[in-house]
C-alpha atoms as a PDB file:
ATOM      1  CA  MET A   1      -5.030 -73.232 -67.993  1.00  0.00           C
ATOM      2  CA  THR A   2      -8.066 -74.024 -65.867  1.00  0.00           C
ATOM      3  CA  PHE A   3     -10.405 -71.470 -64.265  1.00  0.00           C
ATOM      4  CA  GLU A   4      -8.916 -72.157 -60.783  1.00  0.00           C
ATOM      5  CA  GLU A   5      -5.413 -71.967 -62.136  1.00  0.00           C
ATOM      6  CA  PHE A   6      -6.008 -68.420 -63.513  1.00  0.00           C
ATOM      7  CA  LYS A   7      -7.719 -67.268 -60.309  1.00  0.00           C
ATOM      8  CA  GLU A   8      -4.544 -68.473 -58.411  1.00  0.00           C
ATOM      9  CA  THR A   9      -2.527 -66.158 -60.626  1.00  0.00           C
ATOM     10  CA  LEU A  10      -4.209 -63.165 -59.212  1.00  0.00           C
ATOM     11  CA  GLY A  11      -1.799 -63.437 -56.154  1.00  0.00           C
ATOM     12  CA  GLN A  12       1.098 -62.693 -58.441  1.00  0.00           C
ATOM     13  CA  PRO A  13       2.388 -59.259 -59.341  1.00  0.00           C
ATOM     14  CA  GLN A  14       2.220 -59.772 -63.150  1.00  0.00           C
ATOM     15  CA  PRO A  15      -0.058 -61.780 -65.417  1.00  0.00           C
ATOM     16  CA  PRO A  16       1.380 -65.165 -66.443  1.00  0.00           C
ATOM     17  CA  GLU A  17       3.233 -65.445 -69.858  1.00  0.00           C
ATOM     18  CA  GLY A  18       1.218 -66.437 -72.789  1.00  0.00           C
ATOM     19  CA  LEU A  19      -2.184 -64.999 -71.877  1.00  0.00           C
ATOM     20  CA  SER A  20      -4.240 -63.535 -74.774  1.00  0.00           C
ATOM     21  CA  VAL A  21      -5.089 -59.810 -74.511  1.00  0.00           C
ATOM     22  CA  HIS A  22      -8.497 -60.586 -73.487  1.00  0.00           C
ATOM     23  CA  LEU A  23      -7.407 -62.755 -70.602  1.00  0.00           C
ATOM     24  CA  LYS A  24      -4.933 -60.076 -69.582  1.00  0.00           C
ATOM     25  CA  ALA A  25      -7.526 -57.550 -69.461  1.00  0.00           C
ATOM     26  CA  LEU A  26      -9.757 -59.579 -67.227  1.00  0.00           C
ATOM     27  CA  TRP A  27      -6.643 -60.281 -65.034  1.00  0.00           C
ATOM     28  CA  TYR A  28      -5.807 -56.610 -64.563  1.00  0.00           C
ATOM     29  CA  ASN A  29      -9.408 -55.781 -63.973  1.00  0.00           C
ATOM     30  CA  ALA A  30      -9.623 -58.456 -61.224  1.00  0.00           C
ATOM     31  CA  LYS A  31      -6.639 -56.807 -59.650  1.00  0.00           C
ATOM     32  CA  GLY A  32      -8.340 -53.447 -59.583  1.00  0.00           C
ATOM     33  CA  GLU A  33      -6.435 -51.983 -62.579  1.00  0.00           C
ATOM     34  CA  TRP A  34      -9.210 -50.954 -64.756  1.00  0.00           C
ATOM     35  CA  LYS A  35      -7.235 -48.455 -66.865  1.00  0.00           C
ATOM     36  CA  GLN A  36      -4.710 -51.112 -67.634  1.00  0.00           C
ATOM     37  CA  ALA A  37      -7.325 -53.440 -68.697  1.00  0.00           C
ATOM     38  CA  HIS A  38      -9.145 -50.889 -70.723  1.00  0.00           C
ATOM     39  CA  ASP A  39      -5.899 -49.874 -72.434  1.00  0.00           C
ATOM     40  CA  LEU A  40      -5.368 -53.405 -73.591  1.00  0.00           C
ATOM     41  CA  ILE A  41      -8.908 -53.652 -75.217  1.00  0.00           C
ATOM     42  CA  ASP A  42      -9.749 -50.100 -76.194  1.00  0.00           C
ATOM     43  CA  HIS A  43      -8.244 -50.103 -79.686  1.00  0.00           C
ATOM     44  CA  LEU A  44      -9.311 -53.636 -80.845  1.00  0.00           C
ATOM     45  CA  GLU A  45     -12.222 -54.199 -83.125  1.00  0.00           C
ATOM     46  CA  ASP A  46     -12.983 -57.900 -82.949  1.00  0.00           C
ATOM     47  CA  ALA A  47     -16.263 -59.286 -81.277  1.00  0.00           C
ATOM     48  CA  THR A  48     -14.501 -60.808 -78.300  1.00  0.00           C
ATOM     49  CA  SER A  49     -12.676 -57.586 -77.484  1.00  0.00           C
ATOM     50  CA  ALA A  50     -15.945 -55.762 -77.831  1.00  0.00           C
ATOM     51  CA  HIS A  51     -17.502 -58.181 -75.267  1.00  0.00           C
ATOM     52  CA  VAL A  52     -14.725 -57.628 -72.914  1.00  0.00           C
ATOM     53  CA  HIS A  53     -14.822 -53.868 -73.641  1.00  0.00           C
ATOM     54  CA  ALA A  54     -18.574 -53.868 -72.730  1.00  0.00           C
ATOM     55  CA  TYR A  55     -17.948 -55.605 -69.523  1.00  0.00           C
ATOM     56  CA  LEU A  56     -15.173 -53.074 -68.489  1.00  0.00           C
ATOM     57  CA  HIS A  57     -17.388 -50.189 -69.152  1.00  0.00           C
ATOM     58  CA  ARG A  58     -20.103 -51.860 -67.136  1.00  0.00           C
ATOM     59  CA  VAL A  59     -17.413 -52.135 -64.240  1.00  0.00           C
ATOM     60  CA  GLU A  60     -16.785 -48.391 -64.764  1.00  0.00           C
ATOM     61  CA  GLY A  61     -20.525 -47.588 -64.407  1.00  0.00           C
ATOM     62  CA  ASP A  62     -20.894 -46.329 -67.992  1.00  0.00           C
ATOM     63  CA  LEU A  63     -23.926 -48.316 -69.018  1.00  0.00           C
ATOM     64  CA  TRP A  64     -24.528 -46.306 -71.995  1.00  0.00           C
ATOM     65  CA  ASN A  65     -21.009 -47.132 -73.425  1.00  0.00           C
ATOM     66  CA  ALA A  66     -21.222 -50.723 -72.148  1.00  0.00           C
ATOM     67  CA  ARG A  67     -24.497 -51.175 -74.198  1.00  0.00           C
ATOM     68  CA  TYR A  68     -22.721 -49.842 -77.260  1.00  0.00           C
ATOM     69  CA  TRP A  69     -19.966 -52.438 -76.880  1.00  0.00           C
ATOM     70  CA  TYR A  70     -22.536 -55.280 -76.192  1.00  0.00           C
ATOM     71  CA  ASN A  71     -24.122 -54.344 -79.488  1.00  0.00           C
ATOM     72  CA  ARG A  72     -20.699 -54.317 -81.349  1.00  0.00           C
ATOM     73  CA  ALA A  73     -20.013 -57.771 -79.758  1.00  0.00           C
ATOM     74  CA  LYS A  74     -23.340 -58.992 -80.900  1.00  0.00           C
ATOM     75  CA  GLN A  75     -24.180 -59.980 -77.327  1.00  0.00           C
ATOM     76  CA  PRO A  76     -27.187 -59.157 -75.170  1.00  0.00           C
ATOM     77  CA  GLU A  77     -26.546 -56.708 -72.459  1.00  0.00           C
ATOM     78  CA  CYS A  78     -25.512 -58.612 -69.256  1.00  0.00           C
ATOM     79  CA  LYS A  79     -27.912 -58.410 -66.282  1.00  0.00           C
ATOM     80  CA  SER A  80     -25.972 -60.630 -63.912  1.00  0.00           C
ATOM     81  CA  SER A  81     -23.501 -59.359 -61.328  1.00  0.00           C
ATOM     82  CA  LEU A  82     -20.206 -58.072 -62.316  1.00  0.00           C
ATOM     83  CA  GLN A  83     -18.530 -60.980 -60.633  1.00  0.00           C
ATOM     84  CA  GLU A  84     -20.816 -63.469 -62.457  1.00  0.00           C
ATOM     85  CA  GLU A  85     -20.005 -61.824 -65.789  1.00  0.00           C
ATOM     86  CA  TRP A  86     -16.306 -61.815 -65.226  1.00  0.00           C
ATOM     87  CA  GLU A  87     -16.382 -65.535 -64.451  1.00  0.00           C
ATOM     88  CA  SER A  88     -18.464 -66.299 -67.411  1.00  0.00           C
ATOM     89  CA  LEU A  89     -16.133 -64.254 -69.804  1.00  0.00           C
ATOM     90  CA  LEU A  90     -13.185 -66.006 -68.199  1.00  0.00           C
ATOM     91  CA  ARG A  91     -14.591 -69.440 -68.743  1.00  0.00           C
ATOM     92  CA  MET A  92     -15.382 -68.592 -72.257  1.00  0.00           C
ATOM     93  CA  LEU A  93     -12.105 -67.289 -73.091  1.00  0.00           C
ATOM     94  CA  LEU A  94     -10.224 -70.220 -71.284  1.00  0.00           C
ATOM     95  CA  LYS A  95     -12.025 -72.512 -73.610  1.00  0.00           C
ATOM     96  CA  HIS A  96     -10.569 -70.848 -76.812  1.00  0.00           C
END
């Protein structure tokens, strides 16, 4: 799936079949369903999940918690806009 194809799915009521949990979380977040996005990631321990988790806490405005998760992901704290970070995460995840 390409970046543009993913963005086109945001007009659908459900995420497309076969998305990773990380892509589903970004999909739900883009639809304004932060809790659903967070619930998908909250219990996962891997670095990619921690990176998405950090972004979600940044969206929430909980910067202390976001910093904790950036540290767990071994990623620098993101200083770009939320939209830019979402797009960057999406592009990274679509490459995997």
